[in-house]
Amino acid sequence: MKASTVDPRAHVNEEPRNDFSDTFMGFGVMFGIMTVVFFGMVIVKLIIS
């Protein structure tokens, strides 16, 4: 039986990305969407009442 090992330090499929930037962008986009939803619901409540 022939076994082949791969060096785990050779990140062949890993993309060179900035994790902090990805996290910050995700948080910012979600915060923006939730802010729009919040103010939309406030406007709907004011129209109904």
PDB file of N, CA and C in Angstrom:
ATOM      1  N   MET A   1       0.847  -1.174   0.000  1.00  0.00           N
ATOM      2  CA  MET A   1       0.000   0.000   0.000  1.00  0.00           C
ATOM      3  C   MET A   1       0.895   1.241   0.000  1.00  0.00           C
ATOM      4  N   LYS A   2       0.606   2.138  -0.914  1.00  0.00           N
ATOM      5  CA  LYS A   2       1.404   3.357  -1.013  1.00  0.00           C
ATOM      6  C   LYS A   2       0.581   4.527  -0.466  1.00  0.00           C
ATOM      7  N   ALA A   3       1.117   5.200   0.532  1.00  0.00           N
ATOM      8  CA  ALA A   3       0.426   6.333   1.146  1.00  0.00           C
ATOM      9  C   ALA A   3       1.116   7.622   0.721  1.00  0.00           C
ATOM     10  N   SER A   4       0.300   8.604   0.399  1.00  0.00           N
ATOM     11  CA  SER A   4       0.882   9.905   0.060  1.00  0.00           C
ATOM     12  C   SER A   4       0.370  10.938   1.062  1.00  0.00           C
ATOM     13  N   THR A   5       1.276  11.731   1.544  1.00  0.00           N
ATOM     14  CA  THR A   5       0.907  12.766   2.503  1.00  0.00           C
ATOM     15  C   THR A   5       1.075  14.135   1.853  1.00  0.00           C
ATOM     16  N   VAL A   6       0.247  15.065   2.297  1.00  0.00           N
ATOM     17  CA  VAL A   6       0.292  16.421   1.764  1.00  0.00           C
ATOM     18  C   VAL A   6       0.654  17.356   2.913  1.00  0.00           C
ATOM     19  N   ASP A   7       1.549  18.258   2.659  1.00  0.00           N
ATOM     20  CA  ASP A   7       1.959  19.221   3.676  1.00  0.00           C
ATOM     21  C   ASP A   7       0.793  20.166   3.975  1.00  0.00           C
ATOM     22  N   PRO A   8       0.275  20.178   5.205  1.00  0.00           N
ATOM     23  CA  PRO A   8      -0.876  21.033   5.505  1.00  0.00           C
ATOM     24  C   PRO A   8      -0.553  22.527   5.429  1.00  0.00           C
ATOM     25  N   ARG A   9       0.732  22.859   5.411  1.00  0.00           N
ATOM     26  CA  ARG A   9       1.089  24.282   5.311  1.00  0.00           C
ATOM     27  C   ARG A   9       0.943  24.814   3.892  1.00  0.00           C
ATOM     28  N   ALA A  10       0.819  23.931   2.919  1.00  0.00           N
ATOM     29  CA  ALA A  10       0.648  24.355   1.531  1.00  0.00           C
ATOM     30  C   ALA A  10      -0.841  24.563   1.273  1.00  0.00           C
ATOM     31  N   HIS A  11      -1.326  25.751   1.517  1.00  0.00           N
ATOM     32  CA  HIS A  11      -2.746  26.076   1.364  1.00  0.00           C
ATOM     33  C   HIS A  11      -3.042  26.280  -0.122  1.00  0.00           C
ATOM     34  N   VAL A  12      -3.331  25.196  -0.783  1.00  0.00           N
ATOM     35  CA  VAL A  12      -3.498  25.239  -2.233  1.00  0.00           C
ATOM     36  C   VAL A  12      -4.786  25.953  -2.622  1.00  0.00           C
ATOM     37  N   ASN A  13      -5.884  25.658  -1.915  1.00  0.00           N
ATOM     38  CA  ASN A  13      -7.195  26.176  -2.306  1.00  0.00           C
ATOM     39  C   ASN A  13      -7.603  27.435  -1.546  1.00  0.00           C
ATOM     40  N   GLU A  14      -6.755  27.931  -0.687  1.00  0.00           N
ATOM     41  CA  GLU A  14      -7.121  29.091   0.122  1.00  0.00           C
ATOM     42  C   GLU A  14      -6.967  30.374  -0.684  1.00  0.00           C
ATOM     43  N   GLU A  15      -8.008  31.205  -0.648  1.00  0.00           N
ATOM     44  CA  GLU A  15      -7.954  32.476  -1.361  1.00  0.00           C
ATOM     45  C   GLU A  15      -7.306  33.529  -0.481  1.00  0.00           C
ATOM     46  N   PRO A  16      -6.507  34.396  -1.054  1.00  0.00           N
ATOM     47  CA  PRO A  16      -5.864  35.441  -0.253  1.00  0.00           C
ATOM     48  C   PRO A  16      -6.853  36.567   0.066  1.00  0.00           C
ATOM     49  N   ARG A  17      -7.579  36.423   1.154  1.00  0.00           N
ATOM     50  CA  ARG A  17      -8.578  37.417   1.531  1.00  0.00           C
ATOM     51  C   ARG A  17      -8.267  37.967   2.909  1.00  0.00           C
ATOM     52  N   ASN A  18      -8.849  39.120   3.185  1.00  0.00           N
ATOM     53  CA  ASN A  18      -8.697  39.739   4.485  1.00  0.00           C
ATOM     54  C   ASN A  18      -9.930  39.394   5.311  1.00  0.00           C
ATOM     55  N   ASP A  19      -9.769  38.541   6.319  1.00  0.00           N
ATOM     56  CA  ASP A  19     -10.901  38.095   7.121  1.00  0.00           C
ATOM     57  C   ASP A  19     -11.544  39.242   7.881  1.00  0.00           C
ATOM     58  N   PHE A  20     -10.745  40.173   8.385  1.00  0.00           N
ATOM     59  CA  PHE A  20     -11.311  41.305   9.121  1.00  0.00           C
ATOM     60  C   PHE A  20     -12.181  42.148   8.205  1.00  0.00           C
ATOM     61  N   SER A  21     -11.733  42.379   6.995  1.00  0.00           N
ATOM     62  CA  SER A  21     -12.515  43.163   6.033  1.00  0.00           C
ATOM     63  C   SER A  21     -13.823  42.453   5.697  1.00  0.00           C
ATOM     64  N   ASP A  22     -13.780  41.139   5.496  1.00  0.00           N
ATOM     65  CA  ASP A  22     -14.993  40.382   5.198  1.00  0.00           C
ATOM     66  C   ASP A  22     -15.986  40.452   6.352  1.00  0.00           C
ATOM     67  N   THR A  23     -15.483  40.303   7.578  1.00  0.00           N
ATOM     68  CA  THR A  23     -16.351  40.374   8.751  1.00  0.00           C
ATOM     69  C   THR A  23     -16.945  41.767   8.908  1.00  0.00           C
ATOM     70  N   PHE A  24     -16.132  42.789   8.720  1.00  0.00           N
ATOM     71  CA  PHE A  24     -16.606  44.167   8.852  1.00  0.00           C
ATOM     72  C   PHE A  24     -17.661  44.484   7.788  1.00  0.00           C
ATOM     73  N   MET A  25     -17.428  44.023   6.556  1.00  0.00           N
ATOM     74  CA  MET A  25     -18.400  44.273   5.488  1.00  0.00           C
ATOM     75  C   MET A  25     -19.713  43.539   5.771  1.00  0.00           C
ATOM     76  N   GLY A  26     -19.632  42.315   6.238  1.00  0.00           N
ATOM     77  CA  GLY A  26     -20.837  41.558   6.570  1.00  0.00           C
ATOM     78  C   GLY A  26     -21.630  42.232   7.678  1.00  0.00           C
ATOM     79  N   PHE A  27     -20.929  42.688   8.714  1.00  0.00           N
ATOM     80  CA  PHE A  27     -21.601  43.379   9.816  1.00  0.00           C
ATOM     81  C   PHE A  27     -22.224  44.679   9.328  1.00  0.00           C
ATOM     82  N   GLY A  28     -21.491  45.424   8.524  1.00  0.00           N
ATOM     83  CA  GLY A  28     -21.996  46.703   8.026  1.00  0.00           C
ATOM     84  C   GLY A  28     -23.226  46.555   7.152  1.00  0.00           C
ATOM     85  N   VAL A  29     -23.199  45.565   6.254  1.00  0.00           N
ATOM     86  CA  VAL A  29     -24.346  45.344   5.367  1.00  0.00           C
ATOM     87  C   VAL A  29     -25.558  44.907   6.179  1.00  0.00           C
ATOM     88  N   MET A  30     -25.368  43.989   7.125  1.00  0.00           N
ATOM     89  CA  MET A  30     -26.493  43.516   7.941  1.00  0.00           C
ATOM     90  C   MET A  30     -27.034  44.649   8.805  1.00  0.00           C
ATOM     91  N   PHE A  31     -26.155  45.458   9.365  1.00  0.00           N
ATOM     92  CA  PHE A  31     -26.592  46.605  10.173  1.00  0.00           C
ATOM     93  C   PHE A  31     -27.407  47.571   9.317  1.00  0.00           C
ATOM     94  N   GLY A  32     -26.970  47.826   8.101  1.00  0.00           N
ATOM     95  CA  GLY A  32     -27.704  48.723   7.202  1.00  0.00           C
ATOM     96  C   GLY A  32     -29.080  48.185   6.857  1.00  0.00           C
ATOM     97  N   ILE A  33     -29.167  46.892   6.563  1.00  0.00           N
ATOM     98  CA  ILE A  33     -30.460  46.293   6.230  1.00  0.00           C
ATOM     99  C   ILE A  33     -31.399  46.364   7.425  1.00  0.00           C
ATOM    100  N   MET A  34     -30.901  46.051   8.618  1.00  0.00           N
ATOM    101  CA  MET A  34     -31.743  46.077   9.812  1.00  0.00           C
ATOM    102  C   MET A  34     -32.170  47.509  10.153  1.00  0.00           C
ATOM    103  N   THR A  35     -31.320  48.493   9.876  1.00  0.00           N
ATOM    104  CA  THR A  35     -31.694  49.891  10.105  1.00  0.00           C
ATOM    105  C   THR A  35     -32.829  50.303   9.170  1.00  0.00           C
ATOM    106  N   VAL A  36     -32.741  49.920   7.911  1.00  0.00           N
ATOM    107  CA  VAL A  36     -33.796  50.232   6.948  1.00  0.00           C
ATOM    108  C   VAL A  36     -35.099  49.559   7.362  1.00  0.00           C
ATOM    109  N   VAL A  37     -35.026  48.283   7.785  1.00  0.00           N
ATOM    110  CA  VAL A  37     -36.226  47.574   8.230  1.00  0.00           C
ATOM    111  C   VAL A  37     -36.825  48.259   9.452  1.00  0.00           C
ATOM    112  N   PHE A  38     -35.986  48.666  10.394  1.00  0.00           N
ATOM    113  CA  PHE A  38     -36.471  49.324  11.615  1.00  0.00           C
ATOM    114  C   PHE A  38     -37.221  50.606  11.279  1.00  0.00           C
ATOM    115  N   PHE A  39     -36.596  51.475  10.483  1.00  0.00           N
ATOM    116  CA  PHE A  39     -37.261  52.744  10.168  1.00  0.00           C
ATOM    117  C   PHE A  39     -38.487  52.531   9.283  1.00  0.00           C
ATOM    118  N   GLY A  40     -38.454  51.501   8.450  1.00  0.00           N
ATOM    119  CA  GLY A  40     -39.642  51.161   7.665  1.00  0.00           C
ATOM    120  C   GLY A  40     -40.799  50.765   8.560  1.00  0.00           C
ATOM    121  N   MET A  41     -40.533  49.959   9.586  1.00  0.00           N
ATOM    122  CA  MET A  41     -41.588  49.550  10.516  1.00  0.00           C
ATOM    123  C   MET A  41     -42.086  50.728  11.347  1.00  0.00           C
ATOM    124  N   VAL A  42     -41.202  51.653  11.710  1.00  0.00           N
ATOM    125  CA  VAL A  42     -41.629  52.850  12.442  1.00  0.00           C
ATOM    126  C   VAL A  42     -42.564  53.685  11.584  1.00  0.00           C
ATOM    127  N   ILE A  43     -42.240  53.836  10.315  1.00  0.00           N
ATOM    128  CA  ILE A  43     -43.104  54.620   9.405  1.00  0.00           C
ATOM    129  C   ILE A  43     -44.448  53.924   9.237  1.00  0.00           C
ATOM    130  N   VAL A  44     -44.449  52.587   9.096  1.00  0.00           N
ATOM    131  CA  VAL A  44     -45.708  51.856   8.961  1.00  0.00           C
ATOM    132  C   VAL A  44     -46.553  52.025  10.219  1.00  0.00           C
ATOM    133  N   LYS A  45     -45.923  51.965  11.393  1.00  0.00           N
ATOM    134  CA  LYS A  45     -46.676  52.150  12.645  1.00  0.00           C
ATOM    135  C   LYS A  45     -47.264  53.547  12.725  1.00  0.00           C
ATOM    136  N   LEU A  46     -46.525  54.569  12.299  1.00  0.00           N
ATOM    137  CA  LEU A  46     -47.051  55.930  12.349  1.00  0.00           C
ATOM    138  C   LEU A  46     -48.195  56.120  11.368  1.00  0.00           C
ATOM    139  N   ILE A  47     -48.133  55.462  10.220  1.00  0.00           N
ATOM    140  CA  ILE A  47     -49.220  55.576   9.230  1.00  0.00           C
ATOM    141  C   ILE A  47     -50.486  54.885   9.744  1.00  0.00           C
ATOM    142  N   ILE A  48     -50.306  53.709  10.368  1.00  0.00           N
ATOM    143  CA  ILE A  48     -51.469  52.954  10.857  1.00  0.00           C
ATOM    144  C   ILE A  48     -52.143  53.683  12.020  1.00  0.00           C
ATOM    145  N   SER A  49     -51.363  54.236  12.923  1.00  0.00           N
ATOM    146  CA  SER A  49     -51.960  54.852  14.111  1.00  0.00           C
ATOM    147  C   SER A  49     -52.315  56.306  13.931  1.00  0.00           C
TER     148      SER A  49
END
